[in-house]
Amino acid sequence: MNYNLLKDKKGIIFGALDSNSIAWKVAERCHEEGASLILSNNRLALRLGEIYKLSEKINASVIPADVSDVSDIENLMAEAKKEFGGIDFILHSVGMSPNVRKNIPYPEIKYDNFVKTLDVSAISFHKILQVAWDMDILNERASVLALSYIAAQKTFASYSDMAQAKALLESIARSFGYHYGLRKGVRINTISQSPTKTTAGSGVKGFSAFYNYANAMSPIGNADADDCADVCVMMFSDLSKKITMQNLFVDGGFSSMGISEKLFEFYLEKDK
């Protein structure tokens, strides 16, 4: 059901890769709720060709940008300003760890890789916000979101240096949220999503174990990409006009659990 929550709003979605990605689902839902969009990803992702199917479906422009490159972000924002004038919302759905991709154990991670992880997965969020600040492209009471994960607060062994990236991402949201709130009433938040069956997420070692464990722990089960998209729409809308500098858990209750009966009974059975 559509409510026109984003009627006449303009937004930028970073990170839509294919139809399995959260950013893709968010773009679809924003379009359904009346928003006009610009889609952006790096040039390698664009060469896969999937994003152009989405852009055609929702009548959105596609502008390439490497989020670790300030000049790319500046070009994107300049194009967005030409097309829309001002921007009402931004989604940062970007994450990458060379250490995770190469299955390098955490005590042995390569520091050049670590710096790349932090730059692409977290510092890029600051770069986007700073360029938007310098170009004054965000409208009054705009809303900015970045996708995080509970590994920012708790240890997940195979999540490696992405845990530090997500912790930094959430800290940037709080710090920039203060300054942007004072300046223009702009809201900046993060969403800590359940393990989600995306192309990127499935590349994490032991993803199935992550997914199944969280699903067994969560009273109402894992949130999927569509659930996350619904929350993003709400956060981009005027319904969330006083929510800022928060990390919102969209995880079926996982973050509040110790142990569930389902897991307790499973281990009881194993002990017999």
Protein backbone atom coordinates (compact mmCIF):
# COMPACT_ATOMS: atom_id res chain seq x y z
CA MET A 1 0.00 0.00 0.00
CA ASN A 2 1.28 3.46 -0.92
CA TYR A 3 0.68 6.59 1.15
CA ASN A 4 2.47 9.26 -0.95
CA LEU A 5 4.83 9.79 1.99
CA LEU A 6 7.57 11.12 -0.29
CA LYS A 7 5.46 13.07 -2.75
CA ASP A 8 7.55 15.82 -4.41
CA LYS A 9 10.70 14.79 -2.49
CA LYS A 10 14.06 14.35 -4.27
CA GLY A 11 16.67 11.84 -3.20
CA ILE A 12 20.02 10.19 -3.96
CA ILE A 13 20.48 6.45 -3.44
CA PHE A 14 24.05 5.15 -3.25
CA GLY A 15 24.79 1.45 -3.65
CA ALA A 16 22.01 -0.20 -5.68
CA LEU A 17 23.73 -3.16 -7.35
CA ASP A 18 21.05 -5.65 -8.35
CA SER A 19 17.51 -6.63 -7.42
CA ASN A 20 18.77 -8.40 -4.27
CA SER A 21 20.36 -5.27 -2.79
CA ILE A 22 18.74 -3.24 -0.04
CA ALA A 23 19.43 0.02 -1.89
CA TRP A 24 17.53 -1.35 -4.90
CA LYS A 25 14.50 -2.13 -2.74
CA VAL A 26 14.71 1.29 -1.08
CA ALA A 27 14.76 3.00 -4.47
CA GLU A 28 11.69 1.07 -5.59
CA ARG A 29 9.77 1.93 -2.42
CA CYS A 30 10.77 5.60 -2.56
CA HIS A 31 9.53 5.76 -6.14
CA GLU A 32 6.26 4.11 -5.14
CA GLU A 33 5.82 6.76 -2.43
CA GLY A 34 6.21 9.60 -4.92
CA ALA A 35 9.92 10.49 -4.79
CA SER A 36 12.16 11.44 -7.71
CA LEU A 37 15.59 9.80 -7.56
CA ILE A 38 19.19 9.78 -8.68
CA LEU A 39 20.96 6.41 -8.47
CA SER A 40 24.72 6.19 -8.00
CA ASN A 41 27.35 3.48 -7.78
CA ASN A 42 30.97 3.07 -8.85
CA ARG A 43 31.83 2.49 -12.49
CA LEU A 44 32.59 -1.22 -12.03
CA ALA A 45 29.12 -1.79 -10.56
CA LEU A 46 27.55 0.24 -13.37
CA ARG A 47 29.27 -1.96 -15.95
CA LEU A 48 27.32 -4.92 -14.60
CA GLY A 49 24.35 -3.21 -16.19
CA GLU A 50 21.71 -4.07 -13.59
CA ILE A 51 21.25 -0.54 -12.27
CA TYR A 52 20.04 0.69 -15.65
CA LYS A 53 17.12 -1.72 -15.46
CA LEU A 54 16.15 -0.09 -12.17
CA SER A 55 16.63 3.43 -13.51
CA GLU A 56 14.31 2.69 -16.42
CA LYS A 57 11.71 1.16 -14.13
CA ILE A 58 11.59 4.14 -11.76
CA ASN A 59 12.56 6.88 -14.23
CA ALA A 60 15.73 7.79 -12.33
CA SER A 61 19.01 9.29 -13.52
CA VAL A 62 22.19 7.25 -13.04
CA ILE A 63 25.36 9.18 -12.14
CA PRO A 64 28.58 7.24 -11.49
CA ALA A 65 30.59 8.06 -8.38
CA ASP A 66 33.35 6.40 -6.41
CA VAL A 67 32.32 7.39 -2.89
CA SER A 68 35.95 7.40 -1.75
CA ASP A 69 36.76 10.09 -4.35
CA VAL A 70 35.69 13.60 -3.30
CA SER A 71 35.86 14.93 -6.87
CA ASP A 72 33.43 12.20 -7.99
CA ILE A 73 31.04 13.11 -5.18
CA GLU A 74 31.33 16.80 -6.07
CA ASN A 75 30.45 16.03 -9.69
CA LEU A 76 27.47 13.94 -8.59
CA MET A 77 26.18 16.66 -6.27
CA ALA A 78 26.63 19.31 -8.97
CA GLU A 79 24.58 17.20 -11.39
CA ALA A 80 21.96 16.59 -8.71
CA LYS A 81 21.74 20.32 -8.05
CA LYS A 82 21.16 20.95 -11.78
CA GLU A 83 18.44 18.30 -11.92
CA PHE A 84 16.64 18.84 -8.64
CA GLY A 85 17.84 22.09 -7.12
CA GLY A 86 17.88 20.71 -3.58
CA ILE A 87 17.90 17.20 -2.11
CA ASP A 88 15.48 15.93 0.55
CA PHE A 89 17.10 12.59 1.38
CA ILE A 90 20.20 10.46 0.85
CA LEU A 91 20.84 6.74 1.43
CA HIS A 92 24.42 5.50 1.94
CA SER A 93 24.33 1.75 1.31
CA VAL A 94 28.00 1.11 0.65
CA GLY A 95 30.41 -1.35 2.25
CA MET A 96 33.51 -3.25 1.20
CA SER A 97 36.40 -5.00 2.95
CA PRO A 98 39.36 -6.43 1.03
CA ASN A 99 40.29 -8.40 4.16
CA VAL A 100 36.87 -10.07 4.26
CA ARG A 101 36.88 -10.71 0.51
CA LYS A 102 40.25 -12.42 0.79
CA ASN A 103 39.28 -14.38 3.94
CA ILE A 104 42.21 -12.92 5.88
CA PRO A 105 41.83 -13.75 9.62
CA TYR A 106 41.26 -10.70 11.84
CA PRO A 107 44.58 -10.98 13.78
CA GLU A 108 46.39 -11.04 10.42
CA ILE A 109 44.56 -8.31 8.49
CA LYS A 110 46.60 -6.19 6.12
CA TYR A 111 46.60 -2.54 7.13
CA ASP A 112 46.43 -1.21 3.59
CA ASN A 113 43.23 -3.26 3.27
CA PHE A 114 42.00 -1.99 6.64
CA VAL A 115 42.40 1.63 5.55
CA LYS A 116 40.49 0.84 2.34
CA THR A 117 37.69 -0.78 4.37
CA LEU A 118 37.32 2.30 6.57
CA ASP A 119 37.52 4.70 3.64
CA VAL A 120 34.91 3.00 1.43
CA SER A 121 32.56 1.75 4.14
CA ALA A 122 32.57 4.68 6.59
CA ILE A 123 34.71 7.71 5.76
CA SER A 124 32.86 7.91 2.44
CA PHE A 125 29.76 8.80 4.47
CA HIS A 126 31.60 11.80 5.92
CA LYS A 127 32.81 12.78 2.44
CA ILE A 128 29.25 12.71 1.07
CA LEU A 129 27.97 14.79 3.98
CA GLN A 130 30.84 17.26 3.79
CA VAL A 131 30.40 17.82 0.04
CA ALA A 132 26.66 18.26 0.57
CA TRP A 133 27.45 20.74 3.37
CA ASP A 134 29.93 22.73 1.27
CA MET A 135 27.58 22.84 -1.74
CA ASP A 136 24.53 23.46 0.48
CA ILE A 137 22.50 20.94 -1.49
CA LEU A 138 20.41 19.44 1.32
CA ASN A 139 17.05 21.12 1.84
CA GLU A 140 15.75 22.22 5.23
CA ARG A 141 14.81 19.18 7.35
CA ALA A 142 16.29 16.71 4.89
CA SER A 143 16.96 13.15 6.04
CA VAL A 144 20.15 11.12 5.57
CA LEU A 145 20.53 7.41 6.33
CA ALA A 146 23.41 4.92 6.29
CA LEU A 147 23.10 1.16 6.64
CA SER A 148 24.95 -0.36 9.59
CA TYR A 149 25.10 -3.71 11.42
CA ILE A 150 25.08 -4.83 15.06
CA ALA A 151 28.76 -5.82 14.74
CA ALA A 152 29.40 -2.15 15.53
CA GLN A 153 28.41 -2.99 19.13
CA LYS A 154 28.99 -6.75 19.44
CA THR A 155 31.68 -9.12 18.20
CA PHE A 156 30.95 -11.30 15.18
CA ALA A 157 34.12 -13.28 14.49
CA SER A 158 34.09 -13.42 10.70
CA TYR A 159 32.83 -9.83 10.21
CA SER A 160 36.43 -8.72 10.72
CA ASP A 161 37.34 -5.06 10.10
CA MET A 162 33.86 -4.28 8.80
CA ALA A 163 32.90 -4.10 12.49
CA GLN A 164 35.20 -1.12 12.98
CA ALA A 165 33.86 0.45 9.78
CA LYS A 166 30.27 0.21 11.01
CA ALA A 167 31.21 1.66 14.42
CA LEU A 168 32.88 4.60 12.66
CA LEU A 169 29.87 5.00 10.35
CA GLU A 170 27.53 5.33 13.33
CA SER A 171 29.85 7.81 15.03
CA ILE A 172 29.97 9.99 11.91
CA ALA A 173 26.15 10.01 11.82
CA ARG A 174 26.03 11.28 15.40
CA SER A 175 28.75 13.91 14.96
CA PHE A 176 27.55 15.30 11.64
CA GLY A 177 23.96 14.96 12.84
CA TYR A 178 24.68 17.52 15.55
CA HIS A 179 26.16 20.08 13.18
CA TYR A 180 23.64 19.55 10.38
CA GLY A 181 20.77 19.66 12.86
CA LEU A 182 21.85 23.08 14.08
CA ARG A 183 22.41 24.38 10.57
CA LYS A 184 19.32 23.23 8.70
CA GLY A 185 17.36 20.81 10.85
CA VAL A 186 18.77 17.93 8.79
CA ARG A 187 18.37 14.48 10.37
CA ILE A 188 21.18 11.92 10.14
CA ASN A 189 20.63 8.35 11.32
CA THR A 190 21.84 4.80 10.78
CA ILE A 191 19.85 1.60 10.41
CA SER A 192 21.24 -1.60 11.89
CA GLN A 193 19.68 -4.25 9.68
CA SER A 194 19.33 -8.02 10.16
CA PRO A 195 21.65 -10.23 8.11
CA THR A 196 20.09 -9.89 4.68
CA LYS A 197 20.40 -12.14 1.64
CA THR A 198 22.07 -9.68 -0.73
CA THR A 199 24.87 -10.23 -3.22
CA ALA A 200 27.32 -8.35 -0.98
CA GLY A 201 26.11 -9.84 2.32
CA SER A 202 26.32 -13.38 1.06
CA GLY A 203 30.01 -12.84 0.38
CA VAL A 204 30.78 -12.69 4.11
CA LYS A 205 32.32 -15.95 5.35
CA GLY A 206 29.74 -17.98 7.27
CA PHE A 207 26.84 -15.79 6.16
CA SER A 208 24.34 -18.67 6.39
CA ALA A 209 25.30 -19.19 10.03
CA PHE A 210 24.87 -15.44 10.69
CA TYR A 211 21.47 -15.51 9.05
CA ASN A 212 20.13 -18.67 10.66
CA TYR A 213 21.38 -17.76 14.14
CA ALA A 214 19.82 -14.29 14.01
CA ASN A 215 16.56 -15.72 12.68
CA ALA A 216 16.41 -18.26 15.52
CA MET A 217 17.13 -15.54 18.10
CA SER A 218 14.69 -12.92 16.80
CA PRO A 219 11.14 -13.17 18.23
CA ILE A 220 9.60 -12.07 14.93
CA GLY A 221 12.38 -13.29 12.63
CA ASN A 222 14.92 -11.48 10.51
CA ALA A 223 13.96 -8.29 8.73
CA ASP A 224 14.41 -8.64 4.98
CA ALA A 225 15.35 -5.99 2.40
CA ASP A 226 11.71 -5.00 1.90
CA ASP A 227 11.29 -4.44 5.65
CA CYS A 228 14.36 -2.22 5.65
CA ALA A 229 13.05 -0.29 2.65
CA ASP A 230 9.79 0.43 4.49
CA VAL A 231 11.69 1.86 7.46
CA CYS A 232 13.87 3.96 5.14
CA VAL A 233 10.75 5.44 3.54
CA MET A 234 9.41 6.34 6.98
CA MET A 235 12.72 7.91 7.97
CA PHE A 236 12.88 9.92 4.76
CA SER A 237 9.33 11.15 5.30
CA ASP A 238 8.13 13.98 7.52
CA LEU A 239 6.84 11.37 10.01
CA SER A 240 10.37 11.15 11.45
CA LYS A 241 11.06 14.88 11.62
CA LYS A 242 12.36 14.74 15.22
CA ILE A 243 14.48 11.58 14.96
CA THR A 244 18.18 12.24 14.51
CA MET A 245 21.62 10.96 15.58
CA GLN A 246 20.13 7.51 16.28
CA ASN A 247 21.02 3.95 15.33
CA LEU A 248 17.73 2.16 14.63
CA PHE A 249 17.68 -1.63 14.93
CA VAL A 250 15.54 -3.21 12.22
CA ASP A 251 16.26 -6.79 13.23
CA GLY A 252 13.14 -8.51 14.55
CA GLY A 253 14.26 -7.97 18.16
CA PHE A 254 17.64 -9.71 17.81
CA SER A 255 19.56 -6.81 19.38
CA SER A 256 17.57 -7.11 22.64
CA MET A 257 17.91 -10.88 23.03
CA GLY A 258 20.13 -13.03 25.23
CA ILE A 259 19.02 -16.51 24.18
CA SER A 260 15.77 -17.70 22.67
CA GLU A 261 13.75 -20.79 23.56
CA LYS A 262 14.34 -22.07 20.05
CA LEU A 263 18.12 -22.07 20.50
CA PHE A 264 17.84 -23.28 24.11
CA GLU A 265 15.79 -26.28 23.03
CA PHE A 266 18.16 -26.96 20.13
CA TYR A 267 21.14 -27.28 22.49
CA LEU A 268 19.13 -29.32 24.98
CA GLU A 269 18.44 -31.80 22.22
CA LYS A 270 22.14 -31.93 21.33
CA ASP A 271 23.02 -32.71 24.97
CA LYS A 272 20.77 -35.79 25.10
